[in-house]
Each structure stands twice: as structure tokens, then as C-alpha cells.
Amino acid sequence: MKIAALIVVAAICFGCVSKPAAVNDPQLQKLGSAEVIARLIAIPEPFPANDVYNYGYVFKYQVLEVKRGKVEGNEIFVTQYNPLKPRATVQDEFSGAVGGHLDAFRAGDVHHMALDSPVDQFWLGGIIDKYFEQPGVRYWAAWTDLEAR
């Protein structure tokens, strides 16, 4: 009987850690002019260190759902501030209101984001854009969470 109870408890615990928790953060509804759920398509190269300067890094996303506002196209370009830092600690005196609960960027992950556009209205610092030859709006990520799917 004790072994069966242990197996049930272990199965419940394992089920809880195997999936990311969906975060329904009120910031997602308050920040940005658009709110989307999108899959991070790729990370073109390793991120530079943050020890010399702060920068925005442009990611390409596949839009899965637009929850409010609007974005242009099924693939969008989103600028994330200092992508080496977890979103919960990324805001500083230069960034304006940015944040979230995402710890690290991984290609293929699905993110729930609050976005503004165009990026140059929200960030005037350096931007690394490996997609610069591809036309399209560059969005500024005000808030980014990992979406459970």
C-alpha cells in the first residue's frame, strides 16, 4: 500500500515538472499595444555578452495567436532587450518597462508576449538584427513569458 501511494505521489510530482506552467500575468494585458502567442523560430547566433553595452536582439517568431491588438503577418520580428538576462531581472534604467517570467530563450519555445511597435519608439540603443534584409516591422517586447502548450 505504501509503495502504491509513493508511486502515485511521484507520478503527480513528475507530471508537474515536465510541463512549463502557463503564466497569466496581468502585465501581459497592461503593457504593449499587442499581445501574442508565438513560437521562437531560431536563434541565428550566440548572444554577445552584456558586460560592455546593453542591446536589443531581434528574433523571428511564428505567430500562433493574436490575443489583442494586431501584428503584421504570420512571421514577426521581435526585439528582446539583453536576451542573456532572465526577463524578471532585465529591466534597468535604460530599458523602460520590460520584464516577464522567461529565464532563457530557446528555439522552438512558445512565448506569450506584450509588444509595442516600432522598436525605435521604445529603444534607441544598439540592435543586433540578423534579419535586417527581410522587410517587416520590428516589435519591442515589453513582457515575455513561456507559454505552456
N, C-alpha and C. Protein backbone atom coordinates (compact mmCIF):
# COMPACT_ATOMS: atom_id res chain seq x y z
N MET A 1 0.82 -1.20 0.00
CA MET A 1 0.00 0.00 0.00
C MET A 1 0.86 1.26 0.00
N LYS A 2 1.93 1.25 0.83
CA LYS A 2 2.81 2.42 0.88
C LYS A 2 3.52 2.63 -0.45
N ILE A 3 3.91 1.54 -1.10
CA ILE A 3 4.59 1.65 -2.38
C ILE A 3 3.66 2.25 -3.43
N ALA A 4 2.41 1.82 -3.44
CA ALA A 4 1.44 2.36 -4.40
C ALA A 4 1.23 3.86 -4.17
N ALA A 5 1.15 4.27 -2.91
CA ALA A 5 0.99 5.69 -2.59
C ALA A 5 2.21 6.48 -3.05
N LEU A 6 3.39 5.93 -2.84
CA LEU A 6 4.63 6.59 -3.28
C LEU A 6 4.67 6.75 -4.80
N ILE A 7 4.23 5.74 -5.52
CA ILE A 7 4.20 5.80 -6.98
C ILE A 7 3.25 6.88 -7.45
N VAL A 8 2.07 6.97 -6.83
CA VAL A 8 1.10 7.99 -7.19
C VAL A 8 1.65 9.39 -6.94
N VAL A 9 2.26 9.61 -5.78
CA VAL A 9 2.84 10.92 -5.45
C VAL A 9 3.96 11.26 -6.42
N ALA A 10 4.82 10.29 -6.73
CA ALA A 10 5.92 10.53 -7.67
C ALA A 10 5.39 10.88 -9.05
N ALA A 11 4.35 10.19 -9.49
CA ALA A 11 3.76 10.47 -10.81
C ALA A 11 3.18 11.87 -10.87
N ILE A 12 2.52 12.28 -9.79
CA ILE A 12 1.96 13.64 -9.74
C ILE A 12 3.08 14.67 -9.80
N CYS A 13 4.12 14.48 -8.99
CA CYS A 13 5.24 15.42 -8.97
C CYS A 13 5.94 15.47 -10.31
N PHE A 14 6.17 14.32 -10.95
CA PHE A 14 6.84 14.28 -12.24
C PHE A 14 5.99 15.00 -13.29
N GLY A 15 4.68 14.81 -13.25
CA GLY A 15 3.78 15.48 -14.18
C GLY A 15 3.82 16.98 -14.03
N CYS A 16 4.03 17.47 -12.80
CA CYS A 16 4.08 18.90 -12.56
C CYS A 16 5.35 19.53 -13.12
N VAL A 17 6.47 18.83 -13.04
CA VAL A 17 7.72 19.43 -13.51
C VAL A 17 7.98 19.21 -14.98
N SER A 18 7.28 18.32 -15.62
CA SER A 18 7.57 18.06 -17.02
C SER A 18 6.99 19.11 -17.96
N LYS A 19 6.01 19.89 -17.52
CA LYS A 19 5.41 20.92 -18.35
C LYS A 19 5.69 22.29 -17.75
N PRO A 20 5.99 23.30 -18.59
CA PRO A 20 6.11 24.64 -18.05
C PRO A 20 4.75 25.15 -17.61
N ALA A 21 4.74 25.92 -16.56
CA ALA A 21 3.47 26.47 -16.07
C ALA A 21 3.08 27.68 -16.91
N ALA A 22 1.84 27.72 -17.32
CA ALA A 22 1.35 28.89 -18.03
C ALA A 22 1.21 30.03 -17.03
N VAL A 23 1.70 31.16 -17.40
CA VAL A 23 1.62 32.34 -16.53
C VAL A 23 0.59 33.28 -17.13
N ASN A 24 -0.41 33.60 -16.37
CA ASN A 24 -1.41 34.56 -16.84
C ASN A 24 -1.17 35.87 -16.12
N ASP A 25 -0.05 36.48 -16.42
CA ASP A 25 0.40 37.69 -15.74
C ASP A 25 -0.41 38.89 -16.21
N PRO A 26 -0.92 39.70 -15.30
CA PRO A 26 -1.69 40.89 -15.69
C PRO A 26 -0.87 41.88 -16.53
N GLN A 27 0.46 41.83 -16.43
CA GLN A 27 1.30 42.72 -17.24
C GLN A 27 1.11 42.46 -18.72
N LEU A 28 0.80 41.22 -19.09
CA LEU A 28 0.59 40.90 -20.50
C LEU A 28 -0.60 41.67 -21.08
N GLN A 29 -1.60 41.95 -20.25
CA GLN A 29 -2.76 42.70 -20.71
C GLN A 29 -2.56 44.21 -20.59
N LYS A 30 -1.64 44.63 -19.70
CA LYS A 30 -1.45 46.07 -19.46
C LYS A 30 -0.40 46.70 -20.37
N LEU A 31 0.66 45.98 -20.66
CA LEU A 31 1.77 46.54 -21.43
C LEU A 31 1.57 46.28 -22.92
N GLY A 32 2.19 47.11 -23.72
CA GLY A 32 2.19 46.91 -25.16
C GLY A 32 0.88 47.24 -25.82
N SER A 33 0.93 47.37 -27.14
CA SER A 33 -0.27 47.63 -27.93
C SER A 33 -0.82 46.34 -28.54
N ALA A 34 -0.04 45.26 -28.44
CA ALA A 34 -0.48 43.96 -28.95
C ALA A 34 -0.04 42.88 -27.98
N GLU A 35 -0.79 41.79 -27.98
CA GLU A 35 -0.46 40.63 -27.14
C GLU A 35 -0.57 39.39 -28.02
N VAL A 36 0.52 38.64 -28.09
CA VAL A 36 0.56 37.49 -28.98
C VAL A 36 1.13 36.26 -28.29
N ILE A 37 0.79 35.12 -28.85
CA ILE A 37 1.44 33.86 -28.51
C ILE A 37 2.14 33.43 -29.79
N ALA A 38 3.46 33.21 -29.68
CA ALA A 38 4.24 32.92 -30.88
C ALA A 38 5.39 31.97 -30.56
N ARG A 39 5.79 31.21 -31.59
CA ARG A 39 6.89 30.25 -31.45
C ARG A 39 8.19 30.90 -31.94
N LEU A 40 9.22 30.84 -31.11
CA LEU A 40 10.54 31.33 -31.48
C LEU A 40 11.12 30.40 -32.54
N ILE A 41 11.32 30.89 -33.74
CA ILE A 41 11.73 30.05 -34.87
C ILE A 41 13.19 29.62 -34.75
N ALA A 42 14.08 30.58 -34.50
CA ALA A 42 15.51 30.25 -34.47
C ALA A 42 16.27 31.32 -33.72
N ILE A 43 17.46 30.98 -33.27
CA ILE A 43 18.41 31.93 -32.71
C ILE A 43 19.61 31.89 -33.65
N PRO A 44 19.78 32.92 -34.49
CA PRO A 44 20.79 32.86 -35.55
C PRO A 44 22.24 32.71 -35.08
N GLU A 45 22.57 33.19 -33.91
CA GLU A 45 23.94 33.08 -33.41
C GLU A 45 23.94 33.29 -31.90
N PRO A 46 25.04 32.94 -31.23
CA PRO A 46 25.11 33.18 -29.78
C PRO A 46 24.99 34.68 -29.46
N PHE A 47 24.43 34.96 -28.29
CA PHE A 47 24.27 36.36 -27.87
C PHE A 47 25.61 36.92 -27.40
N PRO A 48 25.90 38.18 -27.74
CA PRO A 48 27.09 38.82 -27.18
C PRO A 48 26.92 39.02 -25.67
N ALA A 49 28.01 39.15 -24.98
CA ALA A 49 27.97 39.41 -23.52
C ALA A 49 27.35 40.77 -23.26
N ASN A 50 26.78 40.92 -22.07
CA ASN A 50 26.17 42.20 -21.67
C ASN A 50 27.15 43.06 -20.87
N ASP A 51 28.41 42.68 -20.79
CA ASP A 51 29.33 43.42 -19.93
C ASP A 51 29.84 44.72 -20.54
N VAL A 52 29.69 44.91 -21.85
CA VAL A 52 30.19 46.13 -22.48
C VAL A 52 29.06 47.12 -22.76
N TYR A 53 27.94 46.62 -23.28
CA TYR A 53 26.83 47.51 -23.60
C TYR A 53 25.51 46.75 -23.55
N ASN A 54 24.42 47.50 -23.45
CA ASN A 54 23.07 46.94 -23.49
C ASN A 54 22.61 46.94 -24.95
N TYR A 55 21.86 45.93 -25.32
CA TYR A 55 21.43 45.85 -26.72
C TYR A 55 20.09 45.13 -26.82
N GLY A 56 19.44 45.34 -27.94
CA GLY A 56 18.25 44.60 -28.30
C GLY A 56 18.63 43.56 -29.34
N TYR A 57 18.05 42.39 -29.26
CA TYR A 57 18.35 41.30 -30.18
C TYR A 57 17.06 40.92 -30.88
N VAL A 58 17.07 40.90 -32.21
CA VAL A 58 15.87 40.61 -32.99
C VAL A 58 15.72 39.11 -33.21
N PHE A 59 14.56 38.60 -32.82
CA PHE A 59 14.20 37.19 -33.02
C PHE A 59 13.09 37.12 -34.05
N LYS A 60 13.03 36.00 -34.76
CA LYS A 60 11.94 35.74 -35.70
C LYS A 60 10.98 34.75 -35.03
N TYR A 61 9.69 35.12 -35.04
CA TYR A 61 8.65 34.31 -34.41
C TYR A 61 7.57 33.94 -35.43
N GLN A 62 6.97 32.77 -35.22
CA GLN A 62 5.77 32.36 -35.95
C GLN A 62 4.58 32.65 -35.04
N VAL A 63 3.68 33.49 -35.49
CA VAL A 63 2.51 33.87 -34.69
C VAL A 63 1.52 32.71 -34.65
N LEU A 64 1.15 32.31 -33.44
CA LEU A 64 0.16 31.24 -33.26
C LEU A 64 -1.22 31.82 -32.93
N GLU A 65 -1.23 32.93 -32.19
CA GLU A 65 -2.49 33.56 -31.79
C GLU A 65 -2.24 35.03 -31.44
N VAL A 66 -3.14 35.88 -31.90
CA VAL A 66 -3.12 37.29 -31.50
C VAL A 66 -4.24 37.45 -30.49
N LYS A 67 -3.89 37.80 -29.27
CA LYS A 67 -4.88 37.91 -28.20
C LYS A 67 -5.49 39.30 -28.12
N ARG A 68 -4.72 40.33 -28.47
CA ARG A 68 -5.26 41.69 -28.55
C ARG A 68 -4.36 42.51 -29.45
N GLY A 69 -4.93 43.58 -29.99
CA GLY A 69 -4.18 44.41 -30.93
C GLY A 69 -4.00 43.68 -32.25
N LYS A 70 -2.99 44.10 -33.01
CA LYS A 70 -2.71 43.40 -34.25
C LYS A 70 -1.22 43.46 -34.56
N VAL A 71 -0.78 42.46 -35.30
CA VAL A 71 0.60 42.40 -35.79
C VAL A 71 0.54 42.13 -37.28
N GLU A 72 1.62 42.46 -37.97
CA GLU A 72 1.65 42.31 -39.42
C GLU A 72 2.28 40.98 -39.81
N GLY A 73 1.45 40.05 -40.31
CA GLY A 73 1.95 38.80 -40.85
C GLY A 73 1.93 37.64 -39.88
N ASN A 74 2.25 36.46 -40.43
CA ASN A 74 2.31 35.23 -39.63
C ASN A 74 3.69 35.03 -39.02
N GLU A 75 4.69 35.68 -39.59
CA GLU A 75 6.03 35.69 -39.01
C GLU A 75 6.36 37.14 -38.67
N ILE A 76 6.82 37.34 -37.45
CA ILE A 76 7.13 38.69 -36.99
C ILE A 76 8.54 38.73 -36.41
N PHE A 77 9.09 39.94 -36.35
CA PHE A 77 10.41 40.16 -35.79
C PHE A 77 10.25 40.90 -34.47
N VAL A 78 10.77 40.30 -33.40
CA VAL A 78 10.59 40.85 -32.06
C VAL A 78 11.96 41.13 -31.45
N THR A 79 12.14 42.35 -30.98
CA THR A 79 13.38 42.75 -30.33
C THR A 79 13.25 42.54 -28.83
N GLN A 80 14.15 41.72 -28.30
CA GLN A 80 14.20 41.45 -26.86
C GLN A 80 15.42 42.18 -26.29
N TYR A 81 15.23 42.85 -25.17
CA TYR A 81 16.30 43.60 -24.52
C TYR A 81 17.21 42.65 -23.75
N ASN A 82 18.52 42.76 -23.95
CA ASN A 82 19.53 41.97 -23.22
C ASN A 82 19.09 40.51 -23.03
N PRO A 83 19.05 39.73 -24.10
CA PRO A 83 18.47 38.38 -24.03
C PRO A 83 19.21 37.37 -23.14
N LEU A 84 20.41 37.67 -22.70
CA LEU A 84 21.10 36.76 -21.77
C LEU A 84 20.53 36.81 -20.36
N LYS A 85 19.82 37.88 -20.05
CA LYS A 85 19.27 38.05 -18.70
C LYS A 85 17.85 37.48 -18.62
N PRO A 86 17.52 36.83 -17.49
CA PRO A 86 16.13 36.40 -17.30
C PRO A 86 15.21 37.62 -17.35
N ARG A 87 14.02 37.44 -17.90
CA ARG A 87 13.10 38.58 -18.07
C ARG A 87 12.73 39.21 -16.73
N ALA A 88 12.73 38.46 -15.65
CA ALA A 88 12.35 39.01 -14.34
C ALA A 88 13.38 40.01 -13.83
N THR A 89 14.61 39.96 -14.34
CA THR A 89 15.67 40.87 -13.86
C THR A 89 16.21 41.77 -14.96
N VAL A 90 15.60 41.80 -16.13
CA VAL A 90 16.18 42.51 -17.27
C VAL A 90 15.94 44.03 -17.22
N GLN A 91 14.87 44.48 -16.60
CA GLN A 91 14.58 45.92 -16.58
C GLN A 91 15.67 46.67 -15.85
N ASP A 92 16.08 47.80 -16.42
CA ASP A 92 17.08 48.66 -15.79
C ASP A 92 16.77 50.12 -16.12
N GLU A 93 17.68 51.01 -15.81
CA GLU A 93 17.44 52.44 -16.02
C GLU A 93 17.40 52.83 -17.49
N PHE A 94 17.83 51.94 -18.40
CA PHE A 94 17.85 52.25 -19.83
C PHE A 94 16.68 51.65 -20.59
N SER A 95 16.10 50.58 -20.09
CA SER A 95 15.17 49.76 -20.86
C SER A 95 13.74 50.25 -20.91
N GLY A 96 13.31 51.02 -19.94
CA GLY A 96 11.89 51.28 -19.80
C GLY A 96 11.23 50.05 -19.19
N ALA A 97 9.92 49.96 -19.28
CA ALA A 97 9.18 48.85 -18.68
C ALA A 97 9.31 47.60 -19.54
N VAL A 98 10.15 46.67 -19.11
CA VAL A 98 10.28 45.36 -19.75
C VAL A 98 10.38 44.30 -18.66
N GLY A 99 9.98 43.09 -18.98
CA GLY A 99 10.07 42.03 -17.98
C GLY A 99 9.39 40.77 -18.43
N GLY A 100 9.02 39.95 -17.46
CA GLY A 100 8.36 38.69 -17.73
C GLY A 100 8.89 37.61 -16.80
N HIS A 101 8.57 36.38 -17.14
CA HIS A 101 8.95 35.24 -16.31
C HIS A 101 9.80 34.23 -17.07
N LEU A 102 10.23 34.58 -18.27
CA LEU A 102 11.07 33.69 -19.07
C LEU A 102 12.50 33.75 -18.57
N ASP A 103 13.12 32.58 -18.37
CA ASP A 103 14.50 32.53 -17.88
C ASP A 103 15.53 32.52 -19.00
N ALA A 104 15.23 31.88 -20.12
CA ALA A 104 16.19 31.77 -21.21
C ALA A 104 15.45 31.57 -22.54
N PHE A 105 16.06 32.04 -23.61
CA PHE A 105 15.49 31.88 -24.95
C PHE A 105 16.00 30.59 -25.57
N ARG A 106 15.05 29.77 -26.08
CA ARG A 106 15.38 28.52 -26.76
C ARG A 106 14.54 28.43 -28.02
N ALA A 107 15.19 28.14 -29.13
CA ALA A 107 14.46 27.97 -30.39
C ALA A 107 13.40 26.89 -30.21
N GLY A 108 12.21 27.15 -30.74
CA GLY A 108 11.11 26.19 -30.65
C GLY A 108 10.16 26.46 -29.51
N ASP A 109 10.60 27.21 -28.50
CA ASP A 109 9.71 27.52 -27.37
C ASP A 109 8.60 28.47 -27.81
N VAL A 110 7.48 28.38 -27.12
CA VAL A 110 6.34 29.26 -27.39
C VAL A 110 6.28 30.32 -26.30
N HIS A 111 6.21 31.58 -26.72
CA HIS A 111 6.21 32.70 -25.79
C HIS A 111 4.89 33.47 -25.87
N HIS A 112 4.47 33.96 -24.73
CA HIS A 112 3.32 34.85 -24.61
C HIS A 112 3.91 36.23 -24.37
N MET A 113 3.67 37.16 -25.29
CA MET A 113 4.36 38.45 -25.24
C MET A 113 3.40 39.63 -25.37
N ALA A 114 3.78 40.72 -24.71
CA ALA A 114 3.17 42.02 -24.91
C ALA A 114 4.15 42.82 -25.75
N LEU A 115 3.68 43.36 -26.88
CA LEU A 115 4.56 44.01 -27.85
C LEU A 115 4.14 45.45 -28.13
N ASP A 116 5.14 46.25 -28.48
CA ASP A 116 4.93 47.60 -28.99
C ASP A 116 5.66 47.72 -30.31
N SER A 117 5.28 48.71 -31.11
CA SER A 117 5.98 48.95 -32.36
C SER A 117 5.83 50.42 -32.77
N PRO A 118 6.78 50.88 -33.58
CA PRO A 118 8.01 50.23 -33.99
C PRO A 118 9.07 50.31 -32.88
N VAL A 119 10.06 49.45 -32.97
CA VAL A 119 11.05 49.34 -31.89
C VAL A 119 11.77 50.65 -31.62
N ASP A 120 12.03 51.45 -32.65
CA ASP A 120 12.79 52.68 -32.43
C ASP A 120 12.02 53.74 -31.64
N GLN A 121 10.75 53.50 -31.35
CA GLN A 121 9.99 54.37 -30.47
C GLN A 121 10.16 53.96 -29.00
N PHE A 122 10.80 52.79 -28.77
CA PHE A 122 10.92 52.28 -27.40
C PHE A 122 12.35 51.97 -27.00
N TRP A 123 13.25 51.81 -27.98
CA TRP A 123 14.65 51.52 -27.69
C TRP A 123 15.52 52.21 -28.72
N LEU A 124 16.42 53.08 -28.24
CA LEU A 124 17.30 53.82 -29.14
C LEU A 124 18.74 53.33 -29.09
N GLY A 125 19.00 52.27 -28.33
CA GLY A 125 20.35 51.72 -28.23
C GLY A 125 20.66 50.77 -29.37
N GLY A 126 21.75 50.03 -29.22
CA GLY A 126 22.19 49.09 -30.23
C GLY A 126 21.20 47.95 -30.43
N ILE A 127 21.06 47.53 -31.67
CA ILE A 127 20.18 46.41 -32.02
C ILE A 127 20.95 45.45 -32.91
N ILE A 128 20.92 44.18 -32.55
CA ILE A 128 21.51 43.13 -33.38
C ILE A 128 20.36 42.49 -34.14
N ASP A 129 20.37 42.68 -35.47
CA ASP A 129 19.27 42.20 -36.32
C ASP A 129 19.86 41.39 -37.47
N LYS A 130 19.92 40.09 -37.32
CA LYS A 130 20.43 39.21 -38.37
C LYS A 130 19.42 39.06 -39.51
N TYR A 131 18.23 39.65 -39.36
CA TYR A 131 17.20 39.59 -40.38
C TYR A 131 17.04 40.94 -41.08
N PHE A 132 18.04 41.81 -40.97
CA PHE A 132 17.90 43.19 -41.44
C PHE A 132 17.52 43.29 -42.92
N GLU A 133 17.83 42.28 -43.71
CA GLU A 133 17.48 42.32 -45.14
C GLU A 133 16.03 41.91 -45.39
N GLN A 134 15.37 41.36 -44.38
CA GLN A 134 13.99 40.94 -44.55
C GLN A 134 13.06 42.07 -44.10
N PRO A 135 12.13 42.46 -44.96
CA PRO A 135 11.23 43.56 -44.58
C PRO A 135 10.26 43.13 -43.49
N GLY A 136 9.81 44.10 -42.74
CA GLY A 136 8.81 43.85 -41.71
C GLY A 136 9.03 44.74 -40.51
N VAL A 137 7.97 44.94 -39.77
CA VAL A 137 8.01 45.74 -38.55
C VAL A 137 8.90 45.04 -37.53
N ARG A 138 9.68 45.81 -36.80
CA ARG A 138 10.44 45.28 -35.67
C ARG A 138 9.69 45.69 -34.41
N TYR A 139 9.18 44.68 -33.68
CA TYR A 139 8.42 44.92 -32.46
C TYR A 139 9.36 44.95 -31.26
N TRP A 140 8.94 45.63 -30.22
CA TRP A 140 9.66 45.70 -28.95
C TRP A 140 8.90 44.85 -27.94
N ALA A 141 9.58 43.89 -27.33
CA ALA A 141 8.93 43.02 -26.34
C ALA A 141 8.93 43.72 -24.99
N ALA A 142 7.76 44.11 -24.54
CA ALA A 142 7.63 44.74 -23.23
C ALA A 142 7.53 43.67 -22.13
N TRP A 143 6.98 42.51 -22.47
CA TRP A 143 6.81 41.44 -21.48
C TRP A 143 6.86 40.10 -22.21
N THR A 144 7.59 39.14 -21.65
CA THR A 144 7.71 37.82 -22.29
C THR A 144 7.64 36.73 -21.24
N ASP A 145 6.69 35.81 -21.44
CA ASP A 145 6.53 34.64 -20.59
C ASP A 145 6.59 33.40 -21.45
N LEU A 146 6.93 32.27 -20.84
CA LEU A 146 6.88 30.98 -21.52
C LEU A 146 5.42 30.52 -21.50
N GLU A 147 4.92 30.12 -22.63
CA GLU A 147 3.54 29.66 -22.74
C GLU A 147 3.52 28.14 -22.72
N ALA A 148 2.68 27.56 -21.89
CA ALA A 148 2.53 26.11 -21.86
C ALA A 148 1.66 25.68 -23.02
N ARG A 149 2.15 24.81 -23.84
CA ARG A 149 1.37 24.31 -25.00
C ARG A 149 1.60 22.86 -25.15
